[in-house]
PDB file of N, CA and C in Angstrom:
ATOM      1  N   UNK A   1      22.698 190.654 151.219  1.00  0.00           N
ATOM      2  CA  UNK A   1      22.348 190.064 152.544  1.00  0.00           C
ATOM      3  C   UNK A   1      20.957 189.332 152.313  1.00  0.00           C
ATOM      4  N   UNK A   2      21.083 188.179 153.062  1.00  0.00           N
ATOM      5  CA  UNK A   2      19.741 187.461 152.947  1.00  0.00           C
ATOM      6  C   UNK A   2      18.548 187.968 153.653  1.00  0.00           C
ATOM      7  N   UNK A   3      18.654 188.335 154.943  1.00  0.00           N
ATOM      8  CA  UNK A   3      17.364 188.815 155.676  1.00  0.00           C
ATOM      9  C   UNK A   3      18.122 189.187 157.203  1.00  0.00           C
ATOM     10  N   UNK A   4      16.949 189.590 157.682  1.00  0.00           N
ATOM     11  CA  UNK A   4      17.508 189.890 158.989  1.00  0.00           C
ATOM     12  C   UNK A   4      17.925 188.897 160.021  1.00  0.00           C
ATOM     13  N   UNK A   5      17.345 187.764 159.957  1.00  0.00           N
ATOM     14  CA  UNK A   5      17.480 186.552 160.674  1.00  0.00           C
ATOM     15  C   UNK A   5      18.893 185.869 160.079  1.00  0.00           C
ATOM     16  N   UNK A   6      19.671 185.376 160.665  1.00  0.00           N
ATOM     17  CA  UNK A   6      20.800 184.693 160.251  1.00  0.00           C
ATOM     18  C   UNK A   6      20.588 183.400 159.735  1.00  0.00           C
ATOM     19  N   UNK A   7      19.415 182.772 160.185  1.00  0.00           N
ATOM     20  CA  UNK A   7      19.152 181.445 159.565  1.00  0.00           C
ATOM     21  C   UNK A   7      17.907 181.451 158.889  1.00  0.00           C
ATOM     22  N   UNK A   8      17.647 182.795 158.303  1.00  0.00           N
ATOM     23  CA  UNK A   8      16.214 182.845 157.394  1.00  0.00           C
ATOM     24  C   UNK A   8      16.201 181.796 156.287  1.00  0.00           C
ATOM     25  N   UNK A   9      17.520 181.592 155.617  1.00  0.00           N
ATOM     26  CA  UNK A   9      17.551 181.019 154.371  1.00  0.00           C
ATOM     27  C   UNK A   9      17.317 179.361 154.591  1.00  0.00           C
ATOM     28  N   UNK A  10      17.171 179.029 155.704  1.00  0.00           N
ATOM     29  CA  UNK A  10      16.950 177.528 156.272  1.00  0.00           C
ATOM     30  C   UNK A  10      15.528 177.072 155.990  1.00  0.00           C
ATOM     31  N   UNK A  11      14.802 178.247 155.990  1.00  0.00           N
ATOM     32  CA  UNK A  11      13.263 177.666 156.282  1.00  0.00           C
ATOM     33  C   UNK A  11      12.586 178.105 154.903  1.00  0.00           C
ATOM     34  N   UNK A  12      11.716 177.090 154.685  1.00  0.00           N
ATOM     35  CA  UNK A  12      10.950 177.384 153.383  1.00  0.00           C
ATOM     36  C   UNK A  12      10.150 178.556 153.205  1.00  0.00           C
ATOM     37  N   UNK A  13       9.879 178.898 152.300  1.00  0.00           N
ATOM     38  CA  UNK A  13       8.741 180.016 151.938  1.00  0.00           C
ATOM     39  C   UNK A  13       7.425 179.626 151.962  1.00  0.00           C
ATOM     40  N   UNK A  14       6.767 180.145 152.127  1.00  0.00           N
ATOM     41  CA  UNK A  14       5.059 179.668 152.252  1.00  0.00           C
ATOM     42  C   UNK A  14       4.859 179.008 151.227  1.00  0.00           C
ATOM     43  N   UNK A  15       5.182 179.379 149.852  1.00  0.00           N
ATOM     44  CA  UNK A  15       5.050 178.657 148.605  1.00  0.00           C
ATOM     45  C   UNK A  15       5.539 177.404 148.461  1.00  0.00           C
ATOM     46  N   UNK A  16       6.710 177.181 149.309  1.00  0.00           N
ATOM     47  CA  UNK A  16       7.550 176.023 149.134  1.00  0.00           C
ATOM     48  C   UNK A  16       6.803 174.921 150.148  1.00  0.00           C
ATOM     49  N   UNK A  17       6.407 175.296 151.402  1.00  0.00           N
ATOM     50  CA  UNK A  17       5.397 174.986 151.959  1.00  0.00           C
ATOM     51  C   UNK A  17       4.152 173.993 151.456  1.00  0.00           C
ATOM     52  N   UNK A  18       3.648 174.919 150.655  1.00  0.00           N
ATOM     53  CA  UNK A  18       2.374 174.471 150.045  1.00  0.00           C
ATOM     54  C   UNK A  18       2.716 173.527 148.890  1.00  0.00           C
ATOM     55  N   UNK A  19       3.986 173.680 148.199  1.00  0.00           N
ATOM     56  CA  UNK A  19       3.778 172.575 147.084  1.00  0.00           C
ATOM     57  C   UNK A  19       4.454 171.478 147.920  1.00  0.00           C
ATOM     58  N   UNK A  20       5.080 171.312 148.914  1.00  0.00           N
ATOM     59  CA  UNK A  20       5.658 170.003 149.672  1.00  0.00           C
ATOM     60  C   UNK A  20       4.349 169.539 150.251  1.00  0.00           C
ATOM     61  N   UNK A  21       3.613 170.126 150.740  1.00  0.00           N
ATOM     62  CA  UNK A  21       2.308 169.668 151.442  1.00  0.00           C
ATOM     63  C   UNK A  21       1.281 169.076 150.229  1.00  0.00           C
ATOM     64  N   UNK A  22       1.267 169.758 149.117  1.00  0.00           N
ATOM     65  CA  UNK A  22       0.632 168.880 147.896  1.00  0.00           C
ATOM     66  C   UNK A  22       1.278 167.727 147.611  1.00  0.00           C
ATOM     67  N   UNK A  23       2.574 167.746 147.185  1.00  0.00           N
ATOM     68  CA  UNK A  23       3.084 166.381 147.093  1.00  0.00           C
ATOM     69  C   UNK A  23       2.983 165.367 148.070  1.00  0.00           C
ATOM     70  N   UNK A  24       2.840 165.775 149.215  1.00  0.00           N
ATOM     71  CA  UNK A  24       2.745 164.788 150.357  1.00  0.00           C
ATOM     72  C   UNK A  24       1.347 164.143 150.165  1.00  0.00           C
ATOM     73  N   UNK A  25       0.172 165.052 149.896  1.00  0.00           N
ATOM     74  CA  UNK A  25      -0.820 164.541 149.928  1.00  0.00           C
ATOM     75  C   UNK A  25      -1.302 163.635 148.571  1.00  0.00           C
ATOM     76  N   UNK A  26      -0.782 164.137 147.338  1.00  0.00           N
ATOM     77  CA  UNK A  26      -0.715 163.098 146.245  1.00  0.00           C
ATOM     78  C   UNK A  26      -0.245 161.942 146.686  1.00  0.00           C
ATOM     79  N   UNK A  27       1.140 161.760 147.089  1.00  0.00           N
ATOM     80  CA  UNK A  27       1.649 160.338 147.294  1.00  0.00           C
ATOM     81  C   UNK A  27       0.701 159.863 148.300  1.00  0.00           C
ATOM     82  N   UNK A  28       0.018 160.155 149.222  1.00  0.00           N
ATOM     83  CA  UNK A  28      -0.703 159.528 149.965  1.00  0.00           C
ATOM     84  C   UNK A  28      -1.753 158.893 149.037  1.00  0.00           C
ATOM     85  N   UNK A  29      -2.588 159.761 148.485  1.00  0.00           N
ATOM     86  CA  UNK A  29      -3.678 159.453 147.618  1.00  0.00           C
ATOM     87  C   UNK A  29      -3.526 158.353 146.602  1.00  0.00           C
ATOM     88  N   UNK A  30      -2.076 158.384 146.095  1.00  0.00           N
ATOM     89  CA  UNK A  30      -1.780 157.291 145.285  1.00  0.00           C
ATOM     90  C   UNK A  30      -1.883 156.072 145.942  1.00  0.00           C
ATOM     91  N   UNK A  31      -1.167 156.205 147.101  1.00  0.00           N
ATOM     92  CA  UNK A  31      -0.879 154.761 148.129  1.00  0.00           C
ATOM     93  C   UNK A  31      -2.453 154.202 148.386  1.00  0.00           C
ATOM     94  N   UNK A  32      -3.320 155.154 148.664  1.00  0.00           N
ATOM     95  CA  UNK A  32      -4.555 154.725 148.830  1.00  0.00           C
ATOM     96  C   UNK A  32      -5.339 153.954 147.799  1.00  0.00           C
ATOM     97  N   UNK A  33      -5.175 154.738 146.510  1.00  0.00           N
ATOM     98  CA  UNK A  33      -5.662 153.970 145.538  1.00  0.00           C
ATOM     99  C   UNK A  33      -5.090 152.737 145.346  1.00  0.00           C
ATOM    100  N   UNK A  34      -3.810 152.545 145.507  1.00  0.00           N
ATOM    101  CA  UNK A  34      -3.235 151.034 145.072  1.00  0.00           C
ATOM    102  C   UNK A  34      -3.891 150.178 146.168  1.00  0.00           C
ATOM    103  N   UNK A  35      -4.225 150.788 147.198  1.00  0.00           N
ATOM    104  CA  UNK A  35      -4.837 149.864 148.345  1.00  0.00           C
ATOM    105  C   UNK A  35      -3.736 149.290 149.429  1.00  0.00           C
ATOM    106  N   UNK A  36      -2.814 150.064 149.432  1.00  0.00           N
ATOM    107  CA  UNK A  36      -1.553 149.756 150.227  1.00  0.00           C
ATOM    108  C   UNK A  36      -1.329 150.891 151.124  1.00  0.00           C
ATOM    109  N   UNK A  37      -1.404 150.717 152.462  1.00  0.00           N
ATOM    110  CA  UNK A  37      -1.045 151.569 153.560  1.00  0.00           C
ATOM    111  C   UNK A  37       0.359 151.755 154.033  1.00  0.00           C
ATOM    112  N   UNK A  38       0.976 150.666 153.968  1.00  0.00           N
ATOM    113  CA  UNK A  38       2.414 150.278 154.294  1.00  0.00           C
ATOM    114  C   UNK A  38       3.417 150.637 153.292  1.00  0.00           C
ATOM    115  N   UNK A  39       4.273 151.600 153.350  1.00  0.00           N
ATOM    116  CA  UNK A  39       5.127 152.152 152.250  1.00  0.00           C
ATOM    117  C   UNK A  39       5.918 150.984 151.759  1.00  0.00           C
ATOM    118  N   UNK A  40       6.386 150.130 152.793  1.00  0.00           N
ATOM    119  CA  UNK A  40       7.251 149.145 152.337  1.00  0.00           C
ATOM    120  C   UNK A  40       6.629 147.913 151.416  1.00  0.00           C
ATOM    121  N   UNK A  41       5.341 147.673 151.759  1.00  0.00           N
ATOM    122  CA  UNK A  41       4.469 146.861 151.003  1.00  0.00           C
ATOM    123  C   UNK A  41       4.133 147.280 149.628  1.00  0.00           C
ATOM    124  N   UNK A  42       3.969 148.807 149.641  1.00  0.00           N
ATOM    125  CA  UNK A  42       3.840 149.419 148.277  1.00  0.00           C
ATOM    126  C   UNK A  42       5.149 149.413 147.421  1.00  0.00           C
ATOM    127  N   UNK A  43       6.406 149.460 148.031  1.00  0.00           N
ATOM    128  CA  UNK A  43       7.413 149.373 147.090  1.00  0.00           C
ATOM    129  C   UNK A  43       7.807 147.820 146.531  1.00  0.00           C
ATOM    130  N   UNK A  44       7.383 147.015 147.509  1.00  0.00           N
ATOM    131  CA  UNK A  44       7.606 145.509 147.187  1.00  0.00           C
ATOM    132  C   UNK A  44       6.314 145.079 146.122  1.00  0.00           C
ATOM    133  N   UNK A  45       5.151 145.940 146.032  1.00  0.00           N
ATOM    134  CA  UNK A  45       4.513 145.572 144.998  1.00  0.00           C
ATOM    135  C   UNK A  45       4.895 146.353 143.582  1.00  0.00           C
ATOM    136  N   UNK A  46       5.360 147.472 143.855  1.00  0.00           N
ATOM    137  CA  UNK A  46       5.938 148.235 142.293  1.00  0.00           C
ATOM    138  C   UNK A  46       6.828 147.398 142.023  1.00  0.00           C
ATOM    139  N   UNK A  47       7.956 147.115 142.769  1.00  0.00           N
ATOM    140  CA  UNK A  47       9.089 146.159 142.211  1.00  0.00           C
ATOM    141  C   UNK A  47       8.905 144.676 141.729  1.00  0.00           C
ATOM    142  N   UNK A  48       7.747 143.978 142.312  1.00  0.00           N
ATOM    143  CA  UNK A  48       7.428 142.863 141.828  1.00  0.00           C
ATOM    144  C   UNK A  48       6.631 143.016 140.342  1.00  0.00           C
ATOM    145  N   UNK A  49       6.029 144.102 140.019  1.00  0.00           N
ATOM    146  CA  UNK A  49       5.462 144.278 138.735  1.00  0.00           C
ATOM    147  C   UNK A  49       6.450 143.844 137.897  1.00  0.00           C
ATOM    148  N   UNK A  50       6.250 142.946 136.775  1.00  0.00           N
ATOM    149  CA  UNK A  50       6.996 142.674 135.636  1.00  0.00           C
ATOM    150  C   UNK A  50       7.507 143.859 134.904  1.00  0.00           C
ATOM    151  N   UNK A  51       6.472 144.955 134.729  1.00  0.00           N
ATOM    152  CA  UNK A  51       7.062 146.072 133.882  1.00  0.00           C
ATOM    153  C   UNK A  51       8.348 146.601 134.478  1.00  0.00           C
ATOM    154  N   UNK A  52       8.629 146.465 135.828  1.00  0.00           N
ATOM    155  CA  UNK A  52       9.836 147.023 136.553  1.00  0.00           C
ATOM    156  C   UNK A  52      10.999 146.277 136.588  1.00  0.00           C
ATOM    157  N   UNK A  53      10.889 145.149 135.896  1.00  0.00           N
ATOM    158  CA  UNK A  53      12.036 143.961 135.735  1.00  0.00           C
ATOM    159  C   UNK A  53      13.138 144.847 134.709  1.00  0.00           C
ATOM    160  N   UNK A  54      14.384 144.954 135.110  1.00  0.00           N
ATOM    161  CA  UNK A  54      15.522 145.595 134.625  1.00  0.00           C
ATOM    162  C   UNK A  54      16.106 144.265 133.820  1.00  0.00           C
ATOM    163  N   UNK A  55      16.567 144.784 132.681  1.00  0.00           N
ATOM    164  CA  UNK A  55      17.202 143.839 131.467  1.00  0.00           C
ATOM    165  C   UNK A  55      18.635 144.463 131.599  1.00  0.00           C
ATOM    166  N   UNK A  56      19.514 143.093 131.189  1.00  0.00           N
ATOM    167  CA  UNK A  56      20.639 143.483 130.940  1.00  0.00           C
ATOM    168  C   UNK A  56      21.201 144.427 129.944  1.00  0.00           C
ATOM    169  N   UNK A  57      22.023 145.321 130.168  1.00  0.00           N
ATOM    170  CA  UNK A  57      22.312 146.118 128.817  1.00  0.00           C
ATOM    171  C   UNK A  57      22.693 145.311 127.646  1.00  0.00           C
ATOM    172  N   UNK A  58      22.276 145.927 126.555  1.00  0.00           N
ATOM    173  CA  UNK A  58      22.554 145.273 125.265  1.00  0.00           C
ATOM    174  C   UNK A  58      23.758 144.855 125.111  1.00  0.00           C
ATOM    175  N   UNK A  59      24.836 145.459 125.802  1.00  0.00           N
ATOM    176  CA  UNK A  59      26.206 145.253 125.465  1.00  0.00           C
ATOM    177  C   UNK A  59      26.595 143.891 126.234  1.00  0.00           C
ATOM    178  N   UNK A  60      26.032 143.700 127.183  1.00  0.00           N
ATOM    179  CA  UNK A  60      26.439 142.445 128.175  1.00  0.00           C
ATOM    180  C   UNK A  60      25.483 141.253 127.820  1.00  0.00           C
ATOM    181  N   UNK A  61      24.573 141.502 126.584  1.00  0.00           N
ATOM    182  CA  UNK A  61      24.010 140.176 126.271  1.00  0.00           C
ATOM    183  C   UNK A  61      24.868 139.209 125.257  1.00  0.00           C
ATOM    184  N   UNK A  62      24.538 138.141 125.209  1.00  0.00           N
ATOM    185  CA  UNK A  62      24.985 137.407 124.043  1.00  0.00           C
ATOM    186  C   UNK A  62      24.387 137.504 122.863  1.00  0.00           C
ATOM    187  N   UNK A  63      24.924 137.024 121.904  1.00  0.00           N
ATOM    188  CA  UNK A  63      24.013 137.126 120.501  1.00  0.00           C
ATOM    189  C   UNK A  63      22.861 136.248 120.490  1.00  0.00           C
ATOM    190  N   UNK A  64      23.065 135.249 121.427  1.00  0.00           N
ATOM    191  CA  UNK A  64      21.496 134.351 121.027  1.00  0.00           C
ATOM    192  C   UNK A  64      20.500 135.028 122.187  1.00  0.00           C
ATOM    193  N   UNK A  65      20.813 135.978 123.086  1.00  0.00           N
ATOM    194  CA  UNK A  65      19.779 136.814 123.829  1.00  0.00           C
ATOM    195  C   UNK A  65      19.058 137.995 123.086  1.00  0.00           C
ATOM    196  N   UNK A  66      19.978 138.340 122.144  1.00  0.00           N
ATOM    197  CA  UNK A  66      19.396 139.663 121.440  1.00  0.00           C
ATOM    198  C   UNK A  66      18.358 139.087 120.465  1.00  0.00           C
ATOM    199  N   UNK A  67      17.223 139.642 120.280  1.00  0.00           N
ATOM    200  CA  UNK A  67      16.177 139.237 119.496  1.00  0.00           C
ATOM    201  C   UNK A  67      15.907 139.905 118.078  1.00  0.00           C
ATOM    202  N   UNK A  68      16.465 141.386 118.266  1.00  0.00           N
ATOM    203  CA  UNK A  68      16.516 142.196 116.972  1.00  0.00           C
ATOM    204  C   UNK A  68      17.151 141.616 115.644  1.00  0.00           C
ATOM    205  N   UNK A  69      16.509 141.660 114.459  1.00  0.00           N
ATOM    206  CA  UNK A  69      16.960 140.896 113.419  1.00  0.00           C
ATOM    207  C   UNK A  69      18.355 141.593 112.804  1.00  0.00           C
ATOM    208  N   UNK A  70      18.667 142.987 112.950  1.00  0.00           N
ATOM    209  CA  UNK A  70      19.523 143.795 112.611  1.00  0.00           C
ATOM    210  C   UNK A  70      20.254 144.337 113.720  1.00  0.00           C
ATOM    211  N   UNK A  71      21.714 144.090 113.948  1.00  0.00           N
ATOM    212  CA  UNK A  71      22.354 144.608 114.548  1.00  0.00           C
ATOM    213  C   UNK A  71      23.306 145.707 114.352  1.00  0.00           C
ATOM    214  N   UNK A  72      23.579 146.763 114.926  1.00  0.00           N
ATOM    215  CA  UNK A  72      24.114 148.114 114.265  1.00  0.00           C
ATOM    216  C   UNK A  72      25.468 148.213 115.387  1.00  0.00           C
ATOM    217  N   UNK A  73      26.422 148.867 114.967  1.00  0.00           N
ATOM    218  CA  UNK A  73      27.375 149.160 116.012  1.00  0.00           C
ATOM    219  C   UNK A  73      28.018 150.602 115.411  1.00  0.00           C
ATOM    220  N   UNK A  74      28.341 151.423 115.700  1.00  0.00           N
ATOM    221  CA  UNK A  74      28.566 152.897 115.308  1.00  0.00           C
ATOM    222  C   UNK A  74      29.960 153.087 116.198  1.00  0.00           C
ATOM    223  N   UNK A  75      30.945 153.865 115.281  1.00  0.00           N
ATOM    224  CA  UNK A  75      32.275 154.414 116.052  1.00  0.00           C
ATOM    225  C   UNK A  75      31.918 155.678 116.685  1.00  0.00           C
ATOM    226  N   UNK A  76      32.435 155.988 117.822  1.00  0.00           N
ATOM    227  CA  UNK A  76      32.200 157.134 118.209  1.00  0.00           C
ATOM    228  C   UNK A  76      33.187 158.259 117.808  1.00  0.00           C
ATOM    229  N   UNK A  77      34.157 157.998 117.050  1.00  0.00           N
ATOM    230  CA  UNK A  77      35.200 158.777 116.763  1.00  0.00           C
ATOM    231  C   UNK A  77      34.806 159.120 115.219  1.00  0.00           C
ATOM    232  N   UNK A  78      34.733 158.218 114.294  1.00  0.00           N
ATOM    233  CA  UNK A  78      34.659 158.246 112.880  1.00  0.00           C
ATOM    234  C   UNK A  78      33.408 158.168 112.417  1.00  0.00           C
ATOM    235  N   UNK A  79      32.232 157.868 113.399  1.00  0.00           N
ATOM    236  CA  UNK A  79      31.299 157.748 112.837  1.00  0.00           C
ATOM    237  C   UNK A  79      30.781 156.678 111.930  1.00  0.00           C
ATOM    238  N   UNK A  80      31.632 155.558 111.720  1.00  0.00           N
ATOM    239  CA  UNK A  80      31.476 154.407 110.644  1.00  0.00           C
ATOM    240  C   UNK A  80      30.393 153.681 111.388  1.00  0.00           C
ATOM    241  N   UNK A  81      29.370 153.301 110.610  1.00  0.00           N
ATOM    242  CA  UNK A  81      28.282 152.444 111.000  1.00  0.00           C
ATOM    243  C   UNK A  81      28.470 151.183 110.354  1.00  0.00           C
ATOM    244  N   UNK A  82      28.320 150.101 111.154  1.00  0.00           N
ATOM    245  CA  UNK A  82      28.528 148.592 110.585  1.00  0.00           C
ATOM    246  C   UNK A  82      27.304 148.001 111.080  1.00  0.00           C
ATOM    247  N   UNK A  83      26.336 147.410 109.949  1.00  0.00           N
ATOM    248  CA  UNK A  83      25.211 146.920 110.180  1.00  0.00           C
ATOM    249  C   UNK A  83      25.281 145.354 109.853  1.00  0.00           C
ATOM    250  N   UNK A  84      25.107 144.546 110.724  1.00  0.00           N
ATOM    251  CA  UNK A  84      24.935 142.934 110.194  1.00  0.00           C
ATOM    252  C   UNK A  84      23.496 142.132 110.716  1.00  0.00           C
ATOM    253  N   UNK A  85      23.110 141.292 110.150  1.00  0.00           N
ATOM    254  CA  UNK A  85      21.989 140.673 110.454  1.00  0.00           C
ATOM    255  C   UNK A  85      22.342 139.696 111.632  1.00  0.00           C
ATOM    256  N   UNK A  86      21.478 139.364 112.570  1.00  0.00           N
ATOM    257  CA  UNK A  86      21.371 138.523 113.389  1.00  0.00           C
ATOM    258  C   UNK A  86      21.856 136.983 112.680  1.00  0.00           C
ATOM    259  N   UNK A  87      21.278 136.673 111.959  1.00  0.00           N
ATOM    260  CA  UNK A  87      21.806 135.546 111.273  1.00  0.00           C
ATOM    261  C   UNK A  87      23.132 135.410 111.017  1.00  0.00           C
ATOM    262  N   UNK A  88      23.492 136.402 110.371  1.00  0.00           N
ATOM    263  CA  UNK A  88      24.997 136.539 109.777  1.00  0.00           C
ATOM    264  C   UNK A  88      25.777 136.599 110.928  1.00  0.00           C
ATOM    265  N   UNK A  89      25.492 137.275 112.343  1.00  0.00           N
ATOM    266  CA  UNK A  89      26.386 137.407 113.092  1.00  0.00           C
ATOM    267  C   UNK A  89      26.579 135.982 113.897  1.00  0.00           C
ATOM    268  N   UNK A  90      25.252 135.488 113.999  1.00  0.00           N
ATOM    269  CA  UNK A  90      25.484 134.021 114.554  1.00  0.00           C
ATOM    270  C   UNK A  90      26.285 132.831 113.806  1.00  0.00           C
ATOM    271  N   UNK A  91      26.116 133.072 112.388  1.00  0.00           N
ATOM    272  CA  UNK A  91      26.882 132.300 111.681  1.00  0.00           C
ATOM    273  C   UNK A  91      28.383 132.521 111.624  1.00  0.00           C
ATOM    274  N   UNK A  92      28.888 133.857 111.808  1.00  0.00           N
ATOM    275  CA  UNK A  92      30.277 133.908 112.119  1.00  0.00           C
ATOM    276  C   UNK A  92      30.895 133.808 113.478  1.00  0.00           C
ATOM    277  N   UNK A  93      29.915 134.088 114.273  1.00  0.00           N
ATOM    278  CA  UNK A  93      30.625 134.090 115.900  1.00  0.00           C
ATOM    279  C   UNK A  93      29.690 133.058 116.352  1.00  0.00           C
ATOM    280  N   UNK A  94      30.018 132.391 117.743  1.00  0.00           N
ATOM    281  CA  UNK A  94      29.342 131.665 118.419  1.00  0.00           C
ATOM    282  C   UNK A  94      27.985 132.494 119.135  1.00  0.00           C
ATOM    283  N   UNK A  95      27.059 131.629 119.352  1.00  0.00           N
ATOM    284  CA  UNK A  95      25.831 132.346 120.062  1.00  0.00           C
ATOM    285  C   UNK A  95      26.105 132.774 121.345  1.00  0.00           C
ATOM    286  N   UNK A  96      27.098 132.328 121.986  1.00  0.00           N
ATOM    287  CA  UNK A  96      27.568 132.654 123.387  1.00  0.00           C
ATOM    288  C   UNK A  96      28.257 133.819 123.454  1.00  0.00           C
ATOM    289  N   UNK A  97      28.714 134.538 122.100  1.00  0.00           N
ATOM    290  CA  UNK A  97      29.728 135.681 122.351  1.00  0.00           C
ATOM    291  C   UNK A  97      29.104 136.763 122.681  1.00  0.00           C
ATOM    292  N   UNK A  98      29.538 137.745 123.558  1.00  0.00           N
ATOM    293  CA  UNK A  98      29.305 138.697 124.105  1.00  0.00           C
ATOM    294  C   UNK A  98      28.985 139.718 122.558  1.00  0.00           C
ATOM    295  N   UNK A  99      27.803 140.515 122.709  1.00  0.00           N
ATOM    296  CA  UNK A  99      27.787 141.683 121.698  1.00  0.00           C
ATOM    297  C   UNK A  99      28.763 142.684 121.687  1.00  0.00           C
ATOM    298  N   UNK A 100      29.296 143.004 122.729  1.00  0.00           N
ATOM    299  CA  UNK A 100      30.176 144.225 122.737  1.00  0.00           C
ATOM    300  C   UNK A 100      31.721 143.741 122.260  1.00  0.00           C
ATOM    301  N   UNK A 101      31.971 142.440 122.341  1.00  0.00           N
ATOM    302  CA  UNK A 101      33.097 141.801 121.964  1.00  0.00           C
ATOM    303  C   UNK A 101      33.096 141.686 120.468  1.00  0.00           C
ATOM    304  N   UNK A 102      31.730 141.285 119.779  1.00  0.00           N
ATOM    305  CA  UNK A 102      31.544 140.903 118.389  1.00  0.00           C
ATOM    306  C   UNK A 102      31.798 142.393 117.757  1.00  0.00           C
ATOM    307  N   UNK A 103      30.896 143.298 118.583  1.00  0.00           N
ATOM    308  CA  UNK A 103      30.977 144.730 117.982  1.00  0.00           C
ATOM    309  C   UNK A 103      32.438 145.307 117.749  1.00  0.00           C
ATOM    310  N   UNK A 104      33.234 144.968 118.628  1.00  0.00           N
ATOM    311  CA  UNK A 104      34.684 145.386 118.535  1.00  0.00           C
ATOM    312  C   UNK A 104      35.427 144.873 117.519  1.00  0.00           C
ATOM    313  N   UNK A 105      34.857 143.535 117.402  1.00  0.00           N
ATOM    314  CA  UNK A 105      35.707 142.665 116.058  1.00  0.00           C
ATOM    315  C   UNK A 105      35.327 143.161 114.871  1.00  0.00           C
ATOM    316  N   UNK A 106      33.874 143.650 114.727  1.00  0.00           N
ATOM    317  CA  UNK A 106      33.219 144.269 113.542  1.00  0.00           C
ATOM    318  C   UNK A 106      33.804 145.507 113.026  1.00  0.00           C
ATOM    319  N   UNK A 107      34.525 146.309 114.079  1.00  0.00           N
ATOM    320  CA  UNK A 107      34.874 147.731 113.848  1.00  0.00           C
ATOM    321  C   UNK A 107      36.350 147.503 114.000  1.00  0.00           C
ATOM    322  N   UNK A 108      36.982 146.307 114.068  1.00  0.00           N
ATOM    323  CA  UNK A 108      38.331 145.959 114.205  1.00  0.00           C
ATOM    324  C   UNK A 108      39.508 146.423 112.984  1.00  0.00           C
ATOM    325  N   UNK A 109      39.005 146.824 111.648  1.00  0.00           N
ATOM    326  CA  UNK A 109      39.823 147.112 110.913  1.00  0.00           C
ATOM    327  C   UNK A 109      40.342 148.639 110.876  1.00  0.00           C
ATOM    328  N   UNK A 110      40.169 148.951 111.826  1.00  0.00           N
ATOM    329  CA  UNK A 110      40.781 150.320 112.052  1.00  0.00           C
ATOM    330  C   UNK A 110      39.832 151.586 111.859  1.00  0.00           C
ATOM    331  N   UNK A 111      39.995 152.659 112.645  1.00  0.00           N
ATOM    332  CA  UNK A 111      39.386 153.753 112.761  1.00  0.00           C
ATOM    333  C   UNK A 111      39.976 154.761 111.717  1.00  0.00           C
ATOM    334  N   UNK A 112      39.254 155.745 110.994  1.00  0.00           N
ATOM    335  CA  UNK A 112      39.729 156.644 110.116  1.00  0.00           C
ATOM    336  C   UNK A 112      40.636 157.610 110.622  1.00  0.00           C
ATOM    337  N   UNK A 113      40.305 158.002 112.070  1.00  0.00           N
ATOM    338  CA  UNK A 113      41.067 158.873 112.843  1.00  0.00           C
ATOM    339  C   UNK A 113      41.966 158.286 113.927  1.00  0.00           C
ATOM    340  N   UNK A 114      43.359 158.574 113.282  1.00  0.00           N
ATOM    341  CA  UNK A 114      44.385 158.156 114.110  1.00  0.00           C
ATOM    342  C   UNK A 114      44.961 159.006 114.802  1.00  0.00           C
ATOM    343  N   UNK A 115      45.425 158.783 116.100  1.00  0.00           N
ATOM    344  CA  UNK A 115      45.843 159.684 117.065  1.00  0.00           C
ATOM    345  C   UNK A 115      47.361 159.221 117.312  1.00  0.00           C
ATOM    346  N   UNK A 116      47.875 158.224 117.000  1.00  0.00           N
ATOM    347  CA  UNK A 116      49.208 157.840 117.177  1.00  0.00           C
ATOM    348  C   UNK A 116      49.520 157.176 118.662  1.00  0.00           C
ATOM    349  N   UNK A 117      48.464 157.310 119.378  1.00  0.00           N
ATOM    350  CA  UNK A 117      48.790 156.546 120.640  1.00  0.00           C
ATOM    351  C   UNK A 117      48.016 155.209 120.756  1.00  0.00           C
ATOM    352  N   UNK A 118      48.650 154.291 121.125  1.00  0.00           N
ATOM    353  CA  UNK A 118      48.051 152.794 121.201  1.00  0.00           C
ATOM    354  C   UNK A 118      46.744 152.726 121.666  1.00  0.00           C
ATOM    355  N   UNK A 119      46.765 153.483 122.735  1.00  0.00           N
ATOM    356  CA  UNK A 119      45.426 153.296 123.630  1.00  0.00           C
ATOM    357  C   UNK A 119      44.255 153.929 123.163  1.00  0.00           C
ATOM    358  N   UNK A 120      44.587 154.996 122.105  1.00  0.00           N
ATOM    359  CA  UNK A 120      43.227 155.858 121.925  1.00  0.00           C
ATOM    360  C   UNK A 120      43.225 155.215 120.198  1.00  0.00           C
ATOM    361  N   UNK A 121      44.054 154.467 119.470  1.00  0.00           N
ATOM    362  CA  UNK A 121      43.774 154.299 118.244  1.00  0.00           C
ATOM    363  C   UNK A 121      42.835 153.038 118.210  1.00  0.00           C
ATOM    364  N   UNK A 122      41.802 153.169 116.880  1.00  0.00           N
ATOM    365  CA  UNK A 122      40.916 152.098 116.950  1.00  0.00           C
ATOM    366  C   UNK A 122      39.471 152.738 117.116  1.00  0.00           C
ATOM    367  N   UNK A 123      38.696 151.973 116.859  1.00  0.00           N
ATOM    368  CA  UNK A 123      37.199 152.505 116.896  1.00  0.00           C
ATOM    369  C   UNK A 123      36.650 152.347 118.264  1.00  0.00           C
ATOM    370  N   UNK A 124      35.853 153.184 118.817  1.00  0.00           N
ATOM    371  CA  UNK A 124      35.109 153.010 120.131  1.00  0.00           C
ATOM    372  C   UNK A 124      33.695 152.936 119.763  1.00  0.00           C
ATOM    373  N   UNK A 125      33.270 151.593 119.988  1.00  0.00           N
ATOM    374  CA  UNK A 125      31.943 151.336 119.569  1.00  0.00           C
ATOM    375  C   UNK A 125      30.863 151.790 120.591  1.00  0.00           C
ATOM    376  N   UNK A 126      29.701 152.341 119.871  1.00  0.00           N
ATOM    377  CA  UNK A 126      28.406 152.633 120.526  1.00  0.00           C
ATOM    378  C   UNK A 126      27.339 151.585 119.903  1.00  0.00           C
ATOM    379  N   UNK A 127      27.086 150.684 120.977  1.00  0.00           N
ATOM    380  CA  UNK A 127      26.445 149.788 120.371  1.00  0.00           C
ATOM    381  C   UNK A 127      24.864 149.957 120.542  1.00  0.00           C
ATOM    382  N   UNK A 128      24.187 149.309 119.509  1.00  0.00           N
ATOM    383  CA  UNK A 128      22.624 149.672 119.362  1.00  0.00           C
ATOM    384  C   UNK A 128      21.980 148.595 119.347  1.00  0.00           C
TER     385      UNK A 128
END
């Protein structure tokens, strides 16, 4: 049994109350140090920071957008790794080709693990 009162489990303990109060004070102090009192303005400033910019996942980038000199793709079933230089990939495929489609082509000669089912056969690329 939980306690004498039926709704006792709903109320935070004294320790939980202190932790929540400390977290609230820390958040207030952070906003004050940032010089922003309005929470919406604070979030707007955080999201406007260039470090908060989100990039496309590597799989959805074209070969021209990827800047690393070496591209790797690994099969998640047989753990075969295919490495190709960016220059070689650009020479073989168009610069506007998506990296995930190029990776499937690179692993296209077949997977070492065959299941006999068409949907499952072939390599499953893990893009790096």
